[in-house]
Amino acid sequence: MTNTTPRFCGPLASALTAFLELMRTIGGSHVSLVSTLRRLDRYLAQEHPTATTLTKSIVIDWCATFRHLRPASQLRYRSAISKFCAFLRARDPATVSARALPPLRHSRDHFLPCILSREQIADLLTRARALPVSAGNPLRAESLYLTLVLLYTAGLRIGEVVRLDVGDVERAAGTLLIRETKFAKTRLVPLSPSTQRAVAAYLDERHARTIETHPQTSLIWSPGRRRPCCGTLQRYLCELFRAAGLKPPTGRVGPRPHDLRHAFAAHRVLAWYRAGDDLGPRLPWLSTYLGHRDLASTQHYLKVLPGVLEQASDRFAQRRAPWGARP
């Protein structure tokens, strides 16, 4: 990766640029730091567009967006925000002290994914398509439907879906270009034929409604905005989960939009097991497709797959000779 400073667009863009340039005088490309600062910049642009510095409430809200991650990932984000806060305080005493960061959520509190079944996902898709027309957003049902399709069939993160542009869709090749991902990677994701048809139908519907579809517009259309707000889109999806009976009327219990990505990985691995495939050489394929930084991140998904463990146990029992049997 080159040392080109990314173009920040949020309310603290100039401060983020100056901070990153200062950090680079120490040496190194700071790939992880760049990725985290981009995420912070997008968050501020969407949720706190008038912020002049990082206040305690903003930092607490920011930390809440990654409390579901493993402690190692949380520490990476917290380290970046602590350094940036120290940089800002030298300019603006109103900046919150890094000591005010909320306590780290330890591994015993780690949020375990909820692996939805294919039937539950099919029900969510049906409900999304049946949503009533909204006066403020005539493509509400179509947009939520396509979001669900991309989260599950392509295993995308919600932020990756939000950042997709129409130009990232390559219809002829049947691929999506995923830019500015969690670990500052860019990857090309091949789509299944059914997903290709869903994307094409969505763009055709936009064209029929004379809604712009030039390459620089957001793939998931949002009226009055450059692209949809990630938090708002997640709220709509959670409302859909509640309507389907997958979540209680209030609270955080139950599946999150990110769990559709977990379901994609879980169902893919389980299908390999049922087909009798060797999982070893296939996990790197899945890791690359999901945009993981390393194979360990992908292997984390196996910890919550009782179906896979049962399949592995059955295969071992079938291939192993009975106790005491002689060849």
C-alpha atoms as a PDB file:
ATOM      1  CA  MET A   1       0.000   0.000   0.000  1.00  0.00           C
ATOM      2  CA  THR A   2       1.289   3.502  -0.763  1.00  0.00           C
ATOM      3  CA  ASN A   3       1.518   6.323   1.743  1.00  0.00           C
ATOM      4  CA  THR A   4      -1.101   8.405  -0.070  1.00  0.00           C
ATOM      5  CA  THR A   5      -3.250  10.137   2.528  1.00  0.00           C
ATOM      6  CA  PRO A   6      -6.910   9.146   2.133  1.00  0.00           C
ATOM      7  CA  ARG A   7      -9.494  11.803   1.356  1.00  0.00           C
ATOM      8  CA  PHE A   8     -11.577  12.265   4.487  1.00  0.00           C
ATOM      9  CA  CYS A   9     -15.005  13.853   4.089  1.00  0.00           C
ATOM     10  CA  GLY A  10     -16.395  14.208   7.633  1.00  0.00           C
ATOM     11  CA  PRO A  11     -16.473  17.268   9.910  1.00  0.00           C
ATOM     12  CA  LEU A  12     -12.971  16.528  11.267  1.00  0.00           C
ATOM     13  CA  ALA A  13     -11.437  15.770   7.865  1.00  0.00           C
ATOM     14  CA  SER A  14      -8.618  18.315   8.122  1.00  0.00           C
ATOM     15  CA  ALA A  15      -7.690  17.163  11.646  1.00  0.00           C
ATOM     16  CA  LEU A  16      -7.699  13.506  10.583  1.00  0.00           C
ATOM     17  CA  THR A  17      -5.446  14.309   7.635  1.00  0.00           C
ATOM     18  CA  ALA A  18      -2.998  16.263   9.818  1.00  0.00           C
ATOM     19  CA  PHE A  19      -2.980  13.504  12.443  1.00  0.00           C
ATOM     20  CA  LEU A  20      -2.286  10.765   9.911  1.00  0.00           C
ATOM     21  CA  GLU A  21       0.527  12.767   8.315  1.00  0.00           C
ATOM     22  CA  LEU A  22       2.041  13.266  11.768  1.00  0.00           C
ATOM     23  CA  MET A  23       1.861   9.542  12.515  1.00  0.00           C
ATOM     24  CA  ARG A  24       3.572   8.742   9.222  1.00  0.00           C
ATOM     25  CA  THR A  25       6.572  10.864  10.174  1.00  0.00           C
ATOM     26  CA  ILE A  26       7.274   8.086  12.693  1.00  0.00           C
ATOM     27  CA  GLY A  27       7.578   5.666   9.785  1.00  0.00           C
ATOM     28  CA  GLY A  28       5.453   2.902   8.317  1.00  0.00           C
ATOM     29  CA  SER A  29       2.253   2.873   6.303  1.00  0.00           C
ATOM     30  CA  HIS A  30      -0.068   2.481   9.332  1.00  0.00           C
ATOM     31  CA  VAL A  31      -2.512   0.351   7.346  1.00  0.00           C
ATOM     32  CA  SER A  32      -4.626  -0.554  10.377  1.00  0.00           C
ATOM     33  CA  LEU A  33      -4.699   3.061  11.576  1.00  0.00           C
ATOM     34  CA  VAL A  34      -5.777   4.292   8.136  1.00  0.00           C
ATOM     35  CA  SER A  35      -8.618   1.764   8.074  1.00  0.00           C
ATOM     36  CA  THR A  36      -9.808   2.817  11.537  1.00  0.00           C
ATOM     37  CA  LEU A  37      -9.614   6.539  10.758  1.00  0.00           C
ATOM     38  CA  ARG A  38     -11.651   6.003   7.586  1.00  0.00           C
ATOM     39  CA  ARG A  39     -14.293   4.218   9.622  1.00  0.00           C
ATOM     40  CA  LEU A  40     -14.324   7.036  12.178  1.00  0.00           C
ATOM     41  CA  ASP A  41     -14.576   9.624   9.410  1.00  0.00           C
ATOM     42  CA  ARG A  42     -17.592   7.875   7.844  1.00  0.00           C
ATOM     43  CA  TYR A  43     -19.230   7.542  11.260  1.00  0.00           C
ATOM     44  CA  LEU A  44     -18.806  11.244  12.034  1.00  0.00           C
ATOM     45  CA  ALA A  45     -20.085  12.239   8.585  1.00  0.00           C
ATOM     46  CA  GLN A  46     -23.246  10.169   9.055  1.00  0.00           C
ATOM     47  CA  GLU A  47     -23.993  10.547  12.762  1.00  0.00           C
ATOM     48  CA  HIS A  48     -22.284  13.796  13.886  1.00  0.00           C
ATOM     49  CA  PRO A  49     -21.886  15.967  10.760  1.00  0.00           C
ATOM     50  CA  THR A  50     -21.519  19.219  12.748  1.00  0.00           C
ATOM     51  CA  ALA A  51     -18.930  17.978  15.266  1.00  0.00           C
ATOM     52  CA  THR A  52     -16.012  20.335  15.897  1.00  0.00           C
ATOM     53  CA  THR A  53     -14.067  17.915  18.101  1.00  0.00           C
ATOM     54  CA  LEU A  54     -14.521  14.557  19.835  1.00  0.00           C
ATOM     55  CA  THR A  55     -16.710  14.963  22.899  1.00  0.00           C
ATOM     56  CA  LYS A  56     -17.346  12.314  25.523  1.00  0.00           C
ATOM     57  CA  SER A  57     -20.778  11.450  24.119  1.00  0.00           C
ATOM     58  CA  ILE A  58     -19.409  11.061  20.576  1.00  0.00           C
ATOM     59  CA  VAL A  59     -16.593   8.782  21.729  1.00  0.00           C
ATOM     60  CA  ILE A  60     -18.987   6.654  23.805  1.00  0.00           C
ATOM     61  CA  ASP A  61     -21.333   6.340  20.812  1.00  0.00           C
ATOM     62  CA  TRP A  62     -18.388   5.445  18.561  1.00  0.00           C
ATOM     63  CA  CYS A  63     -17.154   2.748  20.946  1.00  0.00           C
ATOM     64  CA  ALA A  64     -20.656   1.266  21.030  1.00  0.00           C
ATOM     65  CA  THR A  65     -20.462   0.575  17.282  1.00  0.00           C
ATOM     66  CA  PHE A  66     -17.743  -2.045  17.791  1.00  0.00           C
ATOM     67  CA  ARG A  67     -18.587  -3.465  21.243  1.00  0.00           C
ATOM     68  CA  HIS A  68     -19.659  -6.736  19.574  1.00  0.00           C
ATOM     69  CA  LEU A  69     -16.140  -7.356  18.226  1.00  0.00           C
ATOM     70  CA  ARG A  70     -13.458  -9.473  19.812  1.00  0.00           C
ATOM     71  CA  PRO A  71     -11.256  -7.722  22.423  1.00  0.00           C
ATOM     72  CA  ALA A  72      -8.270  -7.610  20.027  1.00  0.00           C
ATOM     73  CA  SER A  73     -10.327  -5.730  17.438  1.00  0.00           C
ATOM     74  CA  GLN A  74     -11.762  -3.408  20.082  1.00  0.00           C
ATOM     75  CA  LEU A  75      -8.267  -2.593  21.319  1.00  0.00           C
ATOM     76  CA  ARG A  76      -7.180  -1.649  17.789  1.00  0.00           C
ATOM     77  CA  TYR A  77     -10.028   0.856  17.465  1.00  0.00           C
ATOM     78  CA  ARG A  78      -9.562   2.189  20.998  1.00  0.00           C
ATOM     79  CA  SER A  79      -5.837   2.682  20.439  1.00  0.00           C
ATOM     80  CA  ALA A  80      -6.507   4.778  17.341  1.00  0.00           C
ATOM     81  CA  ILE A  81      -9.177   6.902  19.013  1.00  0.00           C
ATOM     82  CA  SER A  82      -6.944   7.462  22.080  1.00  0.00           C
ATOM     83  CA  LYS A  83      -4.087   8.747  19.928  1.00  0.00           C
ATOM     84  CA  PHE A  84      -6.408  10.962  17.896  1.00  0.00           C
ATOM     85  CA  CYS A  85      -7.988  12.395  21.076  1.00  0.00           C
ATOM     86  CA  ALA A  86      -4.513  13.266  22.421  1.00  0.00           C
ATOM     87  CA  PHE A  87      -3.731  14.982  19.106  1.00  0.00           C
ATOM     88  CA  LEU A  88      -6.989  16.976  19.192  1.00  0.00           C
ATOM     89  CA  ARG A  89      -6.602  18.017  22.846  1.00  0.00           C
ATOM     90  CA  ALA A  90      -3.384  19.843  21.943  1.00  0.00           C
ATOM     91  CA  ARG A  91      -5.552  21.988  19.645  1.00  0.00           C
ATOM     92  CA  ASP A  92      -8.864  22.044  21.486  1.00  0.00           C
ATOM     93  CA  PRO A  93      -9.090  21.514  25.280  1.00  0.00           C
ATOM     94  CA  ALA A  94     -12.789  20.656  24.823  1.00  0.00           C
ATOM     95  CA  THR A  95     -11.747  17.292  23.368  1.00  0.00           C
ATOM     96  CA  VAL A  96     -12.486  14.380  25.657  1.00  0.00           C
ATOM     97  CA  SER A  97      -9.554  12.758  27.427  1.00  0.00           C
ATOM     98  CA  ALA A  98      -8.651   9.245  26.333  1.00  0.00           C
ATOM     99  CA  ARG A  99      -9.109   8.236  29.992  1.00  0.00           C
ATOM    100  CA  ALA A 100     -12.860   8.768  29.545  1.00  0.00           C
ATOM    101  CA  LEU A 101     -13.205   5.833  27.129  1.00  0.00           C
ATOM    102  CA  PRO A 102     -15.754   3.273  28.387  1.00  0.00           C
ATOM    103  CA  PRO A 103     -14.358   0.018  29.830  1.00  0.00           C
ATOM    104  CA  LEU A 104     -13.286  -2.646  27.377  1.00  0.00           C
ATOM    105  CA  ARG A 105     -15.879  -5.319  26.757  1.00  0.00           C
ATOM    106  CA  HIS A 106     -14.021  -8.541  27.556  1.00  0.00           C
ATOM    107  CA  SER A 107     -14.262 -11.852  25.748  1.00  0.00           C
ATOM    108  CA  ARG A 108     -16.680 -13.345  28.267  1.00  0.00           C
ATOM    109  CA  ASP A 109     -19.177 -10.694  27.101  1.00  0.00           C
ATOM    110  CA  HIS A 110     -18.463 -11.300  23.410  1.00  0.00           C
ATOM    111  CA  PHE A 111     -21.611 -11.301  21.362  1.00  0.00           C
ATOM    112  CA  LEU A 112     -22.169 -14.754  19.890  1.00  0.00           C
ATOM    113  CA  PRO A 113     -23.606 -14.725  16.376  1.00  0.00           C
ATOM    114  CA  CYS A 114     -27.117 -15.966  15.738  1.00  0.00           C
ATOM    115  CA  ILE A 115     -26.982 -18.277  12.725  1.00  0.00           C
ATOM    116  CA  LEU A 116     -30.281 -17.905  10.880  1.00  0.00           C
ATOM    117  CA  SER A 117     -31.675 -20.849   8.962  1.00  0.00           C
ATOM    118  CA  ARG A 118     -32.350 -20.728   5.228  1.00  0.00           C
ATOM    119  CA  GLU A 119     -36.072 -20.786   6.004  1.00  0.00           C
ATOM    120  CA  GLN A 120     -35.768 -17.772   8.311  1.00  0.00           C
ATOM    121  CA  ILE A 121     -33.792 -15.848   5.702  1.00  0.00           C
ATOM    122  CA  ALA A 122     -36.347 -16.725   3.014  1.00  0.00           C
ATOM    123  CA  ASP A 123     -39.077 -15.380   5.313  1.00  0.00           C
ATOM    124  CA  LEU A 124     -37.146 -12.119   5.805  1.00  0.00           C
ATOM    125  CA  LEU A 125     -36.808 -11.709   2.034  1.00  0.00           C
ATOM    126  CA  THR A 126     -40.537 -12.302   1.554  1.00  0.00           C
ATOM    127  CA  ARG A 127     -41.379  -9.749   4.242  1.00  0.00           C
ATOM    128  CA  ALA A 128     -39.023  -7.175   2.748  1.00  0.00           C
ATOM    129  CA  ARG A 129     -40.658  -7.488  -0.654  1.00  0.00           C
ATOM    130  CA  ALA A 130     -44.114  -7.085   0.895  1.00  0.00           C
ATOM    131  CA  LEU A 131     -43.315  -3.842   2.753  1.00  0.00           C
ATOM    132  CA  PRO A 132     -45.833  -1.092   1.953  1.00  0.00           C
ATOM    133  CA  VAL A 133     -44.789   1.754  -0.306  1.00  0.00           C
ATOM    134  CA  SER A 134     -43.332   4.688   1.601  1.00  0.00           C
ATOM    135  CA  ALA A 135     -44.171   8.211   0.465  1.00  0.00           C
ATOM    136  CA  GLY A 136     -40.686   9.394   1.395  1.00  0.00           C
ATOM    137  CA  ASN A 137     -38.871   6.424  -0.141  1.00  0.00           C
ATOM    138  CA  PRO A 138     -40.634   4.728  -3.076  1.00  0.00           C
ATOM    139  CA  LEU A 139     -37.860   2.105  -3.251  1.00  0.00           C
ATOM    140  CA  ARG A 140     -37.931   1.200   0.440  1.00  0.00           C
ATOM    141  CA  ALA A 141     -39.030  -2.418  -0.085  1.00  0.00           C
ATOM    142  CA  GLU A 142     -36.723  -2.985  -3.058  1.00  0.00           C
ATOM    143  CA  SER A 143     -33.730  -1.442  -1.254  1.00  0.00           C
ATOM    144  CA  LEU A 144     -34.179  -3.513   1.908  1.00  0.00           C
ATOM    145  CA  TYR A 145     -34.680  -6.645  -0.183  1.00  0.00           C
ATOM    146  CA  LEU A 146     -31.447  -6.104  -2.119  1.00  0.00           C
ATOM    147  CA  THR A 147     -29.577  -5.271   1.088  1.00  0.00           C
ATOM    148  CA  LEU A 148     -30.674  -8.590   2.611  1.00  0.00           C
ATOM    149  CA  VAL A 149     -29.672 -10.424  -0.574  1.00  0.00           C
ATOM    150  CA  LEU A 150     -26.175  -8.905  -0.577  1.00  0.00           C
ATOM    151  CA  LEU A 151     -25.607  -9.443   3.147  1.00  0.00           C
ATOM    152  CA  TYR A 152     -26.500 -13.123   2.894  1.00  0.00           C
ATOM    153  CA  THR A 153     -25.577 -14.324  -0.597  1.00  0.00           C
ATOM    154  CA  ALA A 154     -22.344 -12.301  -0.898  1.00  0.00           C
ATOM    155  CA  GLY A 155     -21.434 -12.266   2.803  1.00  0.00           C
ATOM    156  CA  LEU A 156     -20.932  -8.491   2.829  1.00  0.00           C
ATOM    157  CA  ARG A 157     -20.645  -6.256   5.859  1.00  0.00           C
ATOM    158  CA  ILE A 158     -23.405  -3.659   6.206  1.00  0.00           C
ATOM    159  CA  GLY A 159     -20.858  -0.855   5.734  1.00  0.00           C
ATOM    160  CA  GLU A 160     -19.655  -2.457   2.513  1.00  0.00           C
ATOM    161  CA  VAL A 161     -23.216  -2.542   1.170  1.00  0.00           C
ATOM    162  CA  VAL A 162     -23.719   1.129   2.032  1.00  0.00           C
ATOM    163  CA  ARG A 163     -20.493   2.157   0.251  1.00  0.00           C
ATOM    164  CA  LEU A 164     -21.288   0.308  -2.988  1.00  0.00           C
ATOM    165  CA  ASP A 165     -21.751   2.505  -6.057  1.00  0.00           C
ATOM    166  CA  VAL A 166     -23.616   1.553  -9.208  1.00  0.00           C
ATOM    167  CA  GLY A 167     -20.254   1.578 -10.993  1.00  0.00           C
ATOM    168  CA  ASP A 168     -19.004  -1.189  -8.682  1.00  0.00           C
ATOM    169  CA  VAL A 169     -21.430  -3.583 -10.373  1.00  0.00           C
ATOM    170  CA  GLU A 170     -19.979  -5.362 -13.386  1.00  0.00           C
ATOM    171  CA  ARG A 171     -23.011  -6.958 -15.028  1.00  0.00           C
ATOM    172  CA  ALA A 172     -21.115  -8.743 -17.781  1.00  0.00           C
ATOM    173  CA  ALA A 173     -18.716 -10.440 -15.352  1.00  0.00           C
ATOM    174  CA  GLY A 174     -21.290 -10.838 -12.571  1.00  0.00           C
ATOM    175  CA  THR A 175     -19.044  -9.271  -9.929  1.00  0.00           C
ATOM    176  CA  LEU A 176     -19.010  -6.548  -7.286  1.00  0.00           C
ATOM    177  CA  LEU A 177     -15.996  -4.371  -6.507  1.00  0.00           C
ATOM    178  CA  ILE A 178     -15.757  -3.934  -2.716  1.00  0.00           C
ATOM    179  CA  ARG A 179     -13.708  -0.843  -1.888  1.00  0.00           C
ATOM    180  CA  GLU A 180     -12.371   0.594   1.395  1.00  0.00           C
ATOM    181  CA  THR A 181     -13.138  -2.501   3.433  1.00  0.00           C
ATOM    182  CA  LYS A 182     -12.581  -3.074   7.129  1.00  0.00           C
ATOM    183  CA  PHE A 183      -8.865  -3.772   6.714  1.00  0.00           C
ATOM    184  CA  ALA A 184      -8.235  -1.214   3.940  1.00  0.00           C
ATOM    185  CA  LYS A 185      -8.454  -3.946   1.307  1.00  0.00           C
ATOM    186  CA  THR A 186     -10.231  -3.974  -2.024  1.00  0.00           C
ATOM    187  CA  ARG A 187     -11.649  -7.227  -3.368  1.00  0.00           C
ATOM    188  CA  LEU A 188     -13.677  -8.469  -6.306  1.00  0.00           C
ATOM    189  CA  VAL A 189     -16.670 -10.602  -5.289  1.00  0.00           C
ATOM    190  CA  PRO A 190     -18.310 -12.944  -7.818  1.00  0.00           C
ATOM    191  CA  LEU A 191     -22.091 -13.108  -7.421  1.00  0.00           C
ATOM    192  CA  SER A 192     -24.400 -16.082  -7.774  1.00  0.00           C
ATOM    193  CA  PRO A 193     -26.777 -16.029 -10.777  1.00  0.00           C
ATOM    194  CA  SER A 194     -29.775 -15.297  -8.513  1.00  0.00           C
ATOM    195  CA  THR A 195     -27.952 -12.376  -6.887  1.00  0.00           C
ATOM    196  CA  GLN A 196     -26.968 -11.020 -10.289  1.00  0.00           C
ATOM    197  CA  ARG A 197     -30.634 -11.088 -11.273  1.00  0.00           C
ATOM    198  CA  ALA A 198     -31.629  -9.301  -8.057  1.00  0.00           C
ATOM    199  CA  VAL A 199     -29.100  -6.511  -8.653  1.00  0.00           C
ATOM    200  CA  ALA A 200     -30.145  -6.163 -12.297  1.00  0.00           C
ATOM    201  CA  ALA A 201     -33.853  -6.056 -11.369  1.00  0.00           C
ATOM    202  CA  TYR A 202     -33.163  -3.330  -8.782  1.00  0.00           C
ATOM    203  CA  LEU A 203     -31.255  -1.164 -11.246  1.00  0.00           C
ATOM    204  CA  ASP A 204     -33.926  -1.723 -13.902  1.00  0.00           C
ATOM    205  CA  GLU A 205     -36.586  -0.622 -11.412  1.00  0.00           C
ATOM    206  CA  ARG A 206     -34.612   2.548 -10.678  1.00  0.00           C
ATOM    207  CA  HIS A 207     -34.336   3.255 -14.383  1.00  0.00           C
ATOM    208  CA  ALA A 208     -38.071   2.691 -14.850  1.00  0.00           C
ATOM    209  CA  ARG A 209     -38.769   5.186 -12.041  1.00  0.00           C
ATOM    210  CA  THR A 210     -36.288   7.690 -13.600  1.00  0.00           C
ATOM    211  CA  ILE A 211     -34.066   7.463 -10.506  1.00  0.00           C
ATOM    212  CA  GLU A 212     -30.451   8.204 -11.442  1.00  0.00           C
ATOM    213  CA  THR A 213     -28.176   5.214 -12.012  1.00  0.00           C
ATOM    214  CA  HIS A 214     -24.918   6.804 -13.172  1.00  0.00           C
ATOM    215  CA  PRO A 215     -21.778   4.976 -11.936  1.00  0.00           C
ATOM    216  CA  GLN A 216     -21.031   7.379  -9.052  1.00  0.00           C
ATOM    217  CA  THR A 217     -24.452   7.051  -7.387  1.00  0.00           C
ATOM    218  CA  SER A 218     -24.951   4.759  -4.408  1.00  0.00           C
ATOM    219  CA  LEU A 219     -26.149   1.275  -5.346  1.00  0.00           C
ATOM    220  CA  ILE A 220     -28.627   1.297  -2.441  1.00  0.00           C
ATOM    221  CA  TRP A 221     -30.592   4.442  -3.178  1.00  0.00           C
ATOM    222  CA  SER A 222     -31.653   6.808  -0.408  1.00  0.00           C
ATOM    223  CA  PRO A 223     -33.808   9.880  -1.148  1.00  0.00           C
ATOM    224  CA  GLY A 224     -32.145  13.170  -0.335  1.00  0.00           C
ATOM    225  CA  ARG A 225     -28.759  11.645   0.576  1.00  0.00           C
ATOM    226  CA  ARG A 226     -25.530  10.786  -1.230  1.00  0.00           C
ATOM    227  CA  ARG A 227     -25.915   7.272   0.153  1.00  0.00           C
ATOM    228  CA  PRO A 228     -28.002   5.645   2.927  1.00  0.00           C
ATOM    229  CA  CYS A 229     -27.053   6.098   6.577  1.00  0.00           C
ATOM    230  CA  CYS A 230     -25.579   2.867   7.913  1.00  0.00           C
ATOM    231  CA  GLY A 231     -27.293   3.234  11.298  1.00  0.00           C
ATOM    232  CA  THR A 232     -30.685   3.926   9.730  1.00  0.00           C
ATOM    233  CA  LEU A 233     -30.395   0.933   7.410  1.00  0.00           C
ATOM    234  CA  GLN A 234     -29.485  -1.324  10.330  1.00  0.00           C
ATOM    235  CA  ARG A 235     -32.521  -0.038  12.239  1.00  0.00           C
ATOM    236  CA  TYR A 236     -34.839  -0.854   9.342  1.00  0.00           C
ATOM    237  CA  LEU A 237     -33.390  -4.358   9.127  1.00  0.00           C
ATOM    238  CA  CYS A 238     -33.813  -4.896  12.869  1.00  0.00           C
ATOM    239  CA  GLU A 239     -37.440  -3.801  12.565  1.00  0.00           C
ATOM    240  CA  LEU A 240     -37.817  -6.482   9.905  1.00  0.00           C
ATOM    241  CA  PHE A 241     -36.274  -9.041  12.280  1.00  0.00           C
ATOM    242  CA  ARG A 242     -38.753  -8.038  14.971  1.00  0.00           C
ATOM    243  CA  ALA A 243     -41.703  -8.314  12.577  1.00  0.00           C
ATOM    244  CA  ALA A 244     -40.523 -11.826  11.688  1.00  0.00           C
ATOM    245  CA  GLY A 245     -40.433 -12.798  15.378  1.00  0.00           C
ATOM    246  CA  LEU A 246     -36.649 -13.193  15.397  1.00  0.00           C
ATOM    247  CA  LYS A 247     -36.134 -10.404  17.933  1.00  0.00           C
ATOM    248  CA  PRO A 248     -38.249  -9.264  20.879  1.00  0.00           C
ATOM    249  CA  PRO A 249     -40.083  -5.913  20.601  1.00  0.00           C
ATOM    250  CA  THR A 250     -37.214  -4.108  22.369  1.00  0.00           C
ATOM    251  CA  GLY A 251     -33.613  -4.734  23.285  1.00  0.00           C
ATOM    252  CA  ARG A 252     -30.516  -6.100  21.570  1.00  0.00           C
ATOM    253  CA  VAL A 253     -31.333  -9.778  22.004  1.00  0.00           C
ATOM    254  CA  GLY A 254     -31.629 -11.724  18.772  1.00  0.00           C
ATOM    255  CA  PRO A 255     -29.950 -11.534  15.367  1.00  0.00           C
ATOM    256  CA  ARG A 256     -28.204  -8.466  14.008  1.00  0.00           C
ATOM    257  CA  PRO A 257     -27.791  -7.567  10.322  1.00  0.00           C
ATOM    258  CA  HIS A 258     -24.165  -8.710  10.605  1.00  0.00           C
ATOM    259  CA  ASP A 259     -25.409 -12.198  11.474  1.00  0.00           C
ATOM    260  CA  LEU A 260     -26.491 -12.632   7.850  1.00  0.00           C
ATOM    261  CA  ARG A 261     -22.780 -12.588   6.976  1.00  0.00           C
ATOM    262  CA  HIS A 262     -22.196 -15.239   9.632  1.00  0.00           C
ATOM    263  CA  ALA A 263     -25.054 -17.265   8.170  1.00  0.00           C
ATOM    264  CA  PHE A 264     -23.455 -17.061   4.713  1.00  0.00           C
ATOM    265  CA  ALA A 265     -20.167 -18.454   6.029  1.00  0.00           C
ATOM    266  CA  ALA A 266     -21.877 -21.076   8.187  1.00  0.00           C
ATOM    267  CA  HIS A 267     -24.065 -22.415   5.399  1.00  0.00           C
ATOM    268  CA  ARG A 268     -21.146 -22.489   2.960  1.00  0.00           C
ATOM    269  CA  VAL A 269     -18.943 -24.489   5.352  1.00  0.00           C
ATOM    270  CA  LEU A 270     -21.788 -26.849   6.232  1.00  0.00           C
ATOM    271  CA  ALA A 271     -22.471 -27.456   2.526  1.00  0.00           C
ATOM    272  CA  TRP A 272     -18.813 -28.389   2.015  1.00  0.00           C
ATOM    273  CA  TYR A 273     -18.983 -30.848   4.896  1.00  0.00           C
ATOM    274  CA  ARG A 274     -22.168 -32.436   3.602  1.00  0.00           C
ATOM    275  CA  ALA A 275     -20.616 -32.799   0.162  1.00  0.00           C
ATOM    276  CA  GLY A 276     -17.678 -34.656   1.695  1.00  0.00           C
ATOM    277  CA  ASP A 277     -15.210 -31.911   0.711  1.00  0.00           C
ATOM    278  CA  ASP A 278     -11.947 -31.341   2.554  1.00  0.00           C
ATOM    279  CA  LEU A 279     -12.382 -28.102   4.476  1.00  0.00           C
ATOM    280  CA  GLY A 280      -8.652 -27.386   4.818  1.00  0.00           C
ATOM    281  CA  PRO A 281      -7.945 -26.059   1.312  1.00  0.00           C
ATOM    282  CA  ARG A 282     -11.343 -24.379   1.073  1.00  0.00           C
ATOM    283  CA  LEU A 283     -11.130 -22.130   4.139  1.00  0.00           C
ATOM    284  CA  PRO A 284      -8.592 -19.818   2.431  1.00  0.00           C
ATOM    285  CA  TRP A 285     -11.109 -19.396  -0.418  1.00  0.00           C
ATOM    286  CA  LEU A 286     -13.786 -18.369   2.065  1.00  0.00           C
ATOM    287  CA  SER A 287     -11.348 -16.076   3.903  1.00  0.00           C
ATOM    288  CA  THR A 288     -10.495 -14.259   0.666  1.00  0.00           C
ATOM    289  CA  TYR A 289     -14.142 -13.988  -0.377  1.00  0.00           C
ATOM    290  CA  LEU A 290     -15.125 -12.500   2.997  1.00  0.00           C
ATOM    291  CA  GLY A 291     -12.211 -10.055   2.965  1.00  0.00           C
ATOM    292  CA  HIS A 292     -10.711 -11.313   6.210  1.00  0.00           C
ATOM    293  CA  ARG A 293      -7.247 -10.173   7.227  1.00  0.00           C
ATOM    294  CA  ASP A 294      -6.100 -13.699   8.078  1.00  0.00           C
ATOM    295  CA  LEU A 295      -7.354 -17.272   8.241  1.00  0.00           C
ATOM    296  CA  ALA A 296      -7.807 -17.077  12.024  1.00  0.00           C
ATOM    297  CA  SER A 297     -10.648 -14.593  11.511  1.00  0.00           C
ATOM    298  CA  THR A 298     -12.426 -17.105   9.273  1.00  0.00           C
ATOM    299  CA  GLN A 299     -11.808 -20.013  11.634  1.00  0.00           C
ATOM    300  CA  HIS A 300     -13.606 -17.994  14.324  1.00  0.00           C
ATOM    301  CA  TYR A 301     -16.853 -18.738  12.463  1.00  0.00           C
ATOM    302  CA  LEU A 302     -16.424 -22.467  13.103  1.00  0.00           C
ATOM    303  CA  LYS A 303     -16.760 -21.976  16.853  1.00  0.00           C
ATOM    304  CA  VAL A 304     -20.469 -21.282  16.517  1.00  0.00           C
ATOM    305  CA  LEU A 305     -21.351 -24.012  14.027  1.00  0.00           C
ATOM    306  CA  PRO A 306     -22.731 -27.016  15.926  1.00  0.00           C
ATOM    307  CA  GLY A 307     -24.041 -28.402  12.628  1.00  0.00           C
ATOM    308  CA  VAL A 308     -20.510 -28.502  11.228  1.00  0.00           C
ATOM    309  CA  LEU A 309     -19.186 -30.191  14.348  1.00  0.00           C
ATOM    310  CA  GLU A 310     -21.898 -32.836  14.111  1.00  0.00           C
ATOM    311  CA  GLN A 311     -21.097 -33.436  10.432  1.00  0.00           C
ATOM    312  CA  ALA A 312     -17.390 -33.757  11.216  1.00  0.00           C
ATOM    313  CA  SER A 313     -18.138 -36.235  14.018  1.00  0.00           C
ATOM    314  CA  ASP A 314     -20.365 -38.322  11.733  1.00  0.00           C
ATOM    315  CA  ARG A 315     -17.717 -38.411   9.009  1.00  0.00           C
ATOM    316  CA  PHE A 316     -15.073 -39.519  11.495  1.00  0.00           C
ATOM    317  CA  ALA A 317     -17.337 -42.307  12.755  1.00  0.00           C
ATOM    318  CA  GLN A 318     -18.070 -43.492   9.210  1.00  0.00           C
ATOM    319  CA  ARG A 319     -14.423 -43.628   8.156  1.00  0.00           C
ATOM    320  CA  ARG A 320     -13.051 -45.161  11.339  1.00  0.00           C
ATOM    321  CA  ALA A 321     -12.986 -48.928  11.825  1.00  0.00           C
ATOM    322  CA  PRO A 322     -15.028 -50.266  14.776  1.00  0.00           C
ATOM    323  CA  TRP A 323     -13.209 -50.715  18.057  1.00  0.00           C
ATOM    324  CA  GLY A 324     -11.273 -53.958  18.070  1.00  0.00           C
ATOM    325  CA  ALA A 325     -11.800 -54.652  14.360  1.00  0.00           C
ATOM    326  CA  ARG A 326      -8.855 -56.027  12.430  1.00  0.00           C
ATOM    327  CA  PRO A 327      -8.095 -54.913   8.904  1.00  0.00           C
END
